[in-house]
């Protein structure tokens, strides 16, 4: 059984593309669709908390949060978002005065800061997790 959690924003075109892809190619056309459970979460009202985000990032890069680089953290930010640009988050990530925890707290401060869709794929049969950021069809094909 695969449980797929999609953190998305209902007005985001990238999220809409990802959800459409999942529904059309995974749920509707897949012989194994009964083994896939899709859960949509609003990234604004149901965003991951600090502990959840740390686990997601550690899973994505397969290392402890203390080993995560600033560039790897940056990949979780919605760099094209208004909040990111208006608050000069790029500079805050680079600034060594800001700890990794400071950067994580900025990331989870608002769901619109997080790159979306944020997709978590839990494969229960082999206890494997995959994290997808944004929508790149090739990545989705490789996972599903």
C-alpha atoms as a PDB file:
ATOM      1  CA  UNK A   1       0.000   0.000   0.000  1.00  0.00           C
ATOM      2  CA  UNK A   2       1.256   3.451  -0.910  1.00  0.00           C
ATOM      3  CA  UNK A   3      -0.056   6.390   1.047  1.00  0.00           C
ATOM      4  CA  UNK A   4       0.470   9.627  -0.854  1.00  0.00           C
ATOM      5  CA  UNK A   5       0.132  12.903   1.035  1.00  0.00           C
ATOM      6  CA  UNK A   6       0.042  16.010  -1.119  1.00  0.00           C
ATOM      7  CA  UNK A   7       0.463  19.388   0.545  1.00  0.00           C
ATOM      8  CA  UNK A   8      -1.018  21.792  -1.962  1.00  0.00           C
ATOM      9  CA  UNK A   9      -2.585  25.206  -2.429  1.00  0.00           C
ATOM     10  CA  UNK A  10      -5.889  25.336  -4.288  1.00  0.00           C
ATOM     11  CA  UNK A  11      -4.933  28.378  -6.392  1.00  0.00           C
ATOM     12  CA  UNK A  12      -1.528  27.017  -7.428  1.00  0.00           C
ATOM     13  CA  UNK A  13      -1.378  25.859 -11.061  1.00  0.00           C
ATOM     14  CA  UNK A  14       1.585  23.558 -10.356  1.00  0.00           C
ATOM     15  CA  UNK A  15      -0.420  21.847  -7.610  1.00  0.00           C
ATOM     16  CA  UNK A  16      -3.366  21.455  -9.959  1.00  0.00           C
ATOM     17  CA  UNK A  17      -1.105  19.837 -12.582  1.00  0.00           C
ATOM     18  CA  UNK A  18       0.346  17.425 -10.019  1.00  0.00           C
ATOM     19  CA  UNK A  19      -3.048  16.416  -8.664  1.00  0.00           C
ATOM     20  CA  UNK A  20      -4.422  15.956 -12.191  1.00  0.00           C
ATOM     21  CA  UNK A  21      -1.426  13.775 -13.048  1.00  0.00           C
ATOM     22  CA  UNK A  22      -1.897  11.664  -9.915  1.00  0.00           C
ATOM     23  CA  UNK A  23      -5.624  11.248 -10.495  1.00  0.00           C
ATOM     24  CA  UNK A  24      -5.362  10.443 -14.207  1.00  0.00           C
ATOM     25  CA  UNK A  25      -2.203   8.337 -14.252  1.00  0.00           C
ATOM     26  CA  UNK A  26      -2.119   6.755 -10.837  1.00  0.00           C
ATOM     27  CA  UNK A  27      -5.614   6.436  -9.454  1.00  0.00           C
ATOM     28  CA  UNK A  28      -7.732   6.026 -12.579  1.00  0.00           C
ATOM     29  CA  UNK A  29      -5.451   4.111 -14.940  1.00  0.00           C
ATOM     30  CA  UNK A  30      -3.380   1.968 -12.639  1.00  0.00           C
ATOM     31  CA  UNK A  31      -4.199  -1.688 -12.002  1.00  0.00           C
ATOM     32  CA  UNK A  32      -2.757  -1.183  -8.531  1.00  0.00           C
ATOM     33  CA  UNK A  33      -4.757   1.961  -7.777  1.00  0.00           C
ATOM     34  CA  UNK A  34      -6.523   0.114  -4.956  1.00  0.00           C
ATOM     35  CA  UNK A  35      -3.126  -0.017  -3.281  1.00  0.00           C
ATOM     36  CA  UNK A  36      -2.722   3.771  -3.399  1.00  0.00           C
ATOM     37  CA  UNK A  37      -4.346   6.122  -0.953  1.00  0.00           C
ATOM     38  CA  UNK A  38      -4.237   9.821  -1.867  1.00  0.00           C
ATOM     39  CA  UNK A  39      -4.628  12.454   0.839  1.00  0.00           C
ATOM     40  CA  UNK A  40      -4.724  16.131  -0.065  1.00  0.00           C
ATOM     41  CA  UNK A  41      -3.767  18.676   2.594  1.00  0.00           C
ATOM     42  CA  UNK A  42      -4.100  22.433   2.302  1.00  0.00           C
ATOM     43  CA  UNK A  43      -0.572  23.766   2.754  1.00  0.00           C
ATOM     44  CA  UNK A  44      -1.960  26.975   4.276  1.00  0.00           C
ATOM     45  CA  UNK A  45      -4.207  25.473   6.951  1.00  0.00           C
ATOM     46  CA  UNK A  46      -2.494  22.084   7.440  1.00  0.00           C
ATOM     47  CA  UNK A  47       1.175  22.906   6.905  1.00  0.00           C
ATOM     48  CA  UNK A  48       3.790  20.650   8.502  1.00  0.00           C
ATOM     49  CA  UNK A  49       5.001  21.671  11.955  1.00  0.00           C
ATOM     50  CA  UNK A  50       8.703  21.932  12.803  1.00  0.00           C
ATOM     51  CA  UNK A  51       9.156  18.259  13.747  1.00  0.00           C
ATOM     52  CA  UNK A  52       7.286  17.055  10.662  1.00  0.00           C
ATOM     53  CA  UNK A  53       9.287  19.347   8.385  1.00  0.00           C
ATOM     54  CA  UNK A  54      12.566  18.138   9.864  1.00  0.00           C
ATOM     55  CA  UNK A  55      11.546  14.513   9.198  1.00  0.00           C
ATOM     56  CA  UNK A  56      10.507  15.400   5.635  1.00  0.00           C
ATOM     57  CA  UNK A  57      13.822  17.149   4.914  1.00  0.00           C
ATOM     58  CA  UNK A  58      15.856  14.338   6.500  1.00  0.00           C
ATOM     59  CA  UNK A  59      13.952  11.808   4.387  1.00  0.00           C
ATOM     60  CA  UNK A  60      14.469  13.787   1.176  1.00  0.00           C
ATOM     61  CA  UNK A  61      18.242  13.959   1.637  1.00  0.00           C
ATOM     62  CA  UNK A  62      18.697  10.778   3.674  1.00  0.00           C
ATOM     63  CA  UNK A  63      20.708  12.512   6.388  1.00  0.00           C
ATOM     64  CA  UNK A  64      20.256  14.200   9.741  1.00  0.00           C
ATOM     65  CA  UNK A  65      19.127  17.801   9.865  1.00  0.00           C
ATOM     66  CA  UNK A  66      22.498  18.766  11.348  1.00  0.00           C
ATOM     67  CA  UNK A  67      24.119  17.601   8.076  1.00  0.00           C
ATOM     68  CA  UNK A  68      21.718  19.436   5.767  1.00  0.00           C
ATOM     69  CA  UNK A  69      23.245  22.282   3.762  1.00  0.00           C
ATOM     70  CA  UNK A  70      21.702  25.700   3.320  1.00  0.00           C
ATOM     71  CA  UNK A  71      21.233  24.976  -0.401  1.00  0.00           C
ATOM     72  CA  UNK A  72      19.354  21.778   0.438  1.00  0.00           C
ATOM     73  CA  UNK A  73      17.116  23.743   2.803  1.00  0.00           C
ATOM     74  CA  UNK A  74      16.584  26.372   0.122  1.00  0.00           C
ATOM     75  CA  UNK A  75      15.111  23.707  -2.165  1.00  0.00           C
ATOM     76  CA  UNK A  76      12.117  23.502   0.196  1.00  0.00           C
ATOM     77  CA  UNK A  77      11.320  27.202  -0.204  1.00  0.00           C
ATOM     78  CA  UNK A  78       8.881  28.615  -2.736  1.00  0.00           C
ATOM     79  CA  UNK A  79      11.550  30.891  -4.206  1.00  0.00           C
ATOM     80  CA  UNK A  80       9.140  32.447  -6.699  1.00  0.00           C
ATOM     81  CA  UNK A  81       6.676  33.399  -3.978  1.00  0.00           C
ATOM     82  CA  UNK A  82       5.927  36.955  -2.928  1.00  0.00           C
ATOM     83  CA  UNK A  83       6.712  36.295   0.745  1.00  0.00           C
ATOM     84  CA  UNK A  84      10.102  34.830  -0.164  1.00  0.00           C
ATOM     85  CA  UNK A  85      11.046  37.842  -2.270  1.00  0.00           C
ATOM     86  CA  UNK A  86       9.552  40.557  -0.050  1.00  0.00           C
ATOM     87  CA  UNK A  87      11.299  39.208   3.046  1.00  0.00           C
ATOM     88  CA  UNK A  88      14.682  38.662   1.349  1.00  0.00           C
ATOM     89  CA  UNK A  89      14.686  35.032   2.434  1.00  0.00           C
ATOM     90  CA  UNK A  90      17.497  34.247  -0.017  1.00  0.00           C
ATOM     91  CA  UNK A  91      19.798  36.505   2.017  1.00  0.00           C
ATOM     92  CA  UNK A  92      18.556  35.092   5.326  1.00  0.00           C
ATOM     93  CA  UNK A  93      19.376  31.558   4.184  1.00  0.00           C
ATOM     94  CA  UNK A  94      22.902  32.597   3.191  1.00  0.00           C
ATOM     95  CA  UNK A  95      23.517  34.648   6.371  1.00  0.00           C
ATOM     96  CA  UNK A  96      25.624  32.510   8.712  1.00  0.00           C
ATOM     97  CA  UNK A  97      24.172  34.438  11.684  1.00  0.00           C
ATOM     98  CA  UNK A  98      20.926  32.570  11.064  1.00  0.00           C
ATOM     99  CA  UNK A  99      21.018  29.025  12.363  1.00  0.00           C
ATOM    100  CA  UNK A 100      19.463  26.096  10.535  1.00  0.00           C
ATOM    101  CA  UNK A 101      16.686  26.200  13.143  1.00  0.00           C
ATOM    102  CA  UNK A 102      16.085  29.894  12.345  1.00  0.00           C
ATOM    103  CA  UNK A 103      15.763  29.021   8.661  1.00  0.00           C
ATOM    104  CA  UNK A 104      13.434  26.111   9.421  1.00  0.00           C
ATOM    105  CA  UNK A 105      11.224  28.400  11.495  1.00  0.00           C
ATOM    106  CA  UNK A 106      11.033  30.836   8.578  1.00  0.00           C
ATOM    107  CA  UNK A 107      10.099  27.936   6.285  1.00  0.00           C
ATOM    108  CA  UNK A 108       7.212  26.759   8.452  1.00  0.00           C
ATOM    109  CA  UNK A 109       6.057  30.269   9.398  1.00  0.00           C
ATOM    110  CA  UNK A 110       3.640  30.337   6.457  1.00  0.00           C
ATOM    111  CA  UNK A 111       2.499  27.551   4.150  1.00  0.00           C
ATOM    112  CA  UNK A 112       3.156  29.810   1.167  1.00  0.00           C
ATOM    113  CA  UNK A 113       6.875  29.707   2.010  1.00  0.00           C
ATOM    114  CA  UNK A 114       6.997  25.973   1.248  1.00  0.00           C
ATOM    115  CA  UNK A 115       7.632  24.782  -2.312  1.00  0.00           C
ATOM    116  CA  UNK A 116       4.530  23.110  -3.574  1.00  0.00           C
ATOM    117  CA  UNK A 117       3.223  20.675  -4.065  1.00  0.00           C
ATOM    118  CA  UNK A 118       5.078  18.869  -1.335  1.00  0.00           C
ATOM    119  CA  UNK A 119       4.407  15.167  -1.888  1.00  0.00           C
ATOM    120  CA  UNK A 120       5.188  12.446   0.612  1.00  0.00           C
ATOM    121  CA  UNK A 121       4.960   8.871  -0.646  1.00  0.00           C
ATOM    122  CA  UNK A 122       4.886   6.213   2.072  1.00  0.00           C
ATOM    123  CA  UNK A 123       5.364   2.698   0.770  1.00  0.00           C
ATOM    124  CA  UNK A 124       4.204   0.522   3.640  1.00  0.00           C
ATOM    125  CA  UNK A 125       5.269  -2.819   2.146  1.00  0.00           C
ATOM    126  CA  UNK A 126       8.960  -1.901   2.103  1.00  0.00           C
ATOM    127  CA  UNK A 127       8.898   0.897   4.689  1.00  0.00           C
ATOM    128  CA  UNK A 128      10.257   3.359   2.113  1.00  0.00           C
ATOM    129  CA  UNK A 129       9.473   7.059   1.797  1.00  0.00           C
ATOM    130  CA  UNK A 130       9.968   9.425  -1.107  1.00  0.00           C
ATOM    131  CA  UNK A 131       9.658  13.200  -1.058  1.00  0.00           C
ATOM    132  CA  UNK A 132       8.774  15.144  -4.188  1.00  0.00           C
ATOM    133  CA  UNK A 133       9.020  18.935  -4.437  1.00  0.00           C
ATOM    134  CA  UNK A 134       7.084  20.726  -7.136  1.00  0.00           C
ATOM    135  CA  UNK A 135       5.840  18.871 -10.183  1.00  0.00           C
ATOM    136  CA  UNK A 136       8.269  17.241 -12.561  1.00  0.00           C
ATOM    137  CA  UNK A 137       6.462  14.545 -14.529  1.00  0.00           C
ATOM    138  CA  UNK A 138       9.592  12.386 -14.927  1.00  0.00           C
ATOM    139  CA  UNK A 139      10.080  12.237 -11.134  1.00  0.00           C
ATOM    140  CA  UNK A 140       6.447  11.226 -10.681  1.00  0.00           C
ATOM    141  CA  UNK A 141       6.788   8.494 -13.325  1.00  0.00           C
ATOM    142  CA  UNK A 142       9.849   7.107 -11.536  1.00  0.00           C
ATOM    143  CA  UNK A 143       8.063   6.927  -8.179  1.00  0.00           C
ATOM    144  CA  UNK A 144       4.709   5.647  -9.392  1.00  0.00           C
END
